[in-house]
Every structure is written in structure tokens, then in C-alpha cells.
Amino acid sequence: MNEIIELHNKMFYYLDTFTINNGRKVANQIILDCLKKDMVESKMRRVRSAYLYEKGAREYYAKHGTVGEF
């Protein structure tokens, strides 16, 4: 839920640079789409890095026959 609030705060921050006219509606949608895409990519980066770390650790411990955090 915090991510959605943060997304809307950023959107309104950028949207405040536009004057109120018909272009503001278009800009609103473009900014919102870009921020959503950025948020998804950021989340995927975090998930991917955690997965790769765990995979590498498992392989290392299996290779050396030790027990680690997995």
C-alpha cells in the first residue's frame, strides 16, 4: 500500500509542473504509466538479486560440502 501512495505522490509532484489544461490529462496518464513501469522494474530487480544470491550461496555450499545459511 505504501508503494501506491509513493507512486501517487511522485505523480502529483511531476504533474504540478504542468498548467491546468487539456494536456494535463494526457500528461497524467503518461507520468503514471512511466512510474508504474519503474516501480515494477525496481521490484523485479530486488527479487532477482535475492534469488541469484541464494542460488549462488546454495551452489557454493554444495560445492564445498559445508553448511551455511541455506
Protein backbone atom coordinates (compact mmCIF):
# COMPACT_ATOMS: atom_id res chain seq x y z
CA MET A 1 0.00 0.00 0.00
CA ASN A 2 2.90 2.34 0.73
CA GLU A 3 4.14 1.83 -2.83
CA ILE A 4 0.84 3.11 -4.24
CA ILE A 5 0.93 6.20 -2.00
CA GLU A 6 4.53 6.87 -3.00
CA LEU A 7 3.59 6.42 -6.66
CA HIS A 8 0.77 8.95 -6.43
CA ASN A 9 2.95 11.44 -4.54
CA LYS A 10 5.55 11.27 -7.30
CA MET A 11 2.85 11.60 -9.94
CA PHE A 12 1.41 14.74 -8.36
CA TYR A 13 4.91 16.17 -7.90
CA TYR A 14 5.61 15.85 -11.61
CA LEU A 15 2.09 16.84 -12.61
CA ASP A 16 2.32 20.11 -10.70
CA THR A 17 4.80 21.35 -13.29
CA PHE A 18 2.02 21.40 -15.90
CA THR A 19 -0.59 24.13 -16.20
CA ILE A 20 -4.21 23.08 -15.87
CA ASN A 21 -5.47 22.43 -19.40
CA ASN A 22 -6.36 19.51 -21.66
CA GLY A 23 -2.73 18.42 -21.91
CA ARG A 24 -2.64 17.79 -18.17
CA LYS A 25 -4.89 14.72 -18.56
CA VAL A 26 -2.58 13.21 -21.15
CA ALA A 27 0.50 14.05 -19.10
CA ASN A 28 -1.14 12.49 -16.05
CA GLN A 29 -1.56 9.15 -17.82
CA ILE A 30 1.95 9.21 -19.32
CA ILE A 31 3.57 10.01 -15.97
CA LEU A 32 1.51 7.36 -14.18
CA ASP A 33 2.44 4.71 -16.76
CA CYS A 34 6.14 5.55 -16.51
CA LEU A 35 6.12 5.50 -12.72
CA LYS A 36 4.29 2.15 -12.64
CA LYS A 37 6.80 0.66 -15.08
CA ASP A 38 9.69 1.97 -12.97
CA MET A 39 8.15 0.54 -9.80
CA VAL A 40 7.67 -2.90 -11.36
CA GLU A 41 11.22 -2.95 -12.72
CA SER A 42 12.60 -1.94 -9.33
CA LYS A 43 10.67 -4.69 -7.57
CA MET A 44 11.80 -7.27 -10.13
CA ARG A 45 15.42 -6.16 -9.65
CA ARG A 46 15.14 -6.73 -5.89
CA VAL A 47 13.55 -10.16 -6.34
CA ARG A 48 16.05 -11.22 -8.99
CA SER A 49 19.07 -10.15 -6.93
CA ALA A 50 17.82 -12.00 -3.85
CA TYR A 51 17.18 -15.13 -5.93
CA LEU A 52 20.62 -15.01 -7.55
CA TYR A 53 22.30 -14.51 -4.17
CA GLU A 54 20.52 -17.52 -2.69
CA LYS A 55 21.24 -19.66 -5.74
CA GLY A 56 24.93 -18.74 -5.66
CA ALA A 57 25.17 -19.47 -1.94
CA ARG A 58 23.50 -22.87 -2.36
CA GLU A 59 25.91 -23.78 -5.17
CA TYR A 60 28.92 -22.63 -3.13
CA TYR A 61 27.91 -24.61 -0.06
CA ALA A 62 27.10 -27.69 -2.15
CA LYS A 63 30.45 -27.44 -3.95
CA HIS A 64 32.47 -27.22 -0.75
CA GLY A 65 30.30 -29.56 1.30
CA THR A 66 29.66 -27.00 4.00
CA VAL A 67 26.53 -25.80 5.67
CA GLY A 68 25.70 -22.14 5.52
CA GLU A 69 22.62 -20.08 5.82
CA PHE A 70 20.63 -22.38 3.50
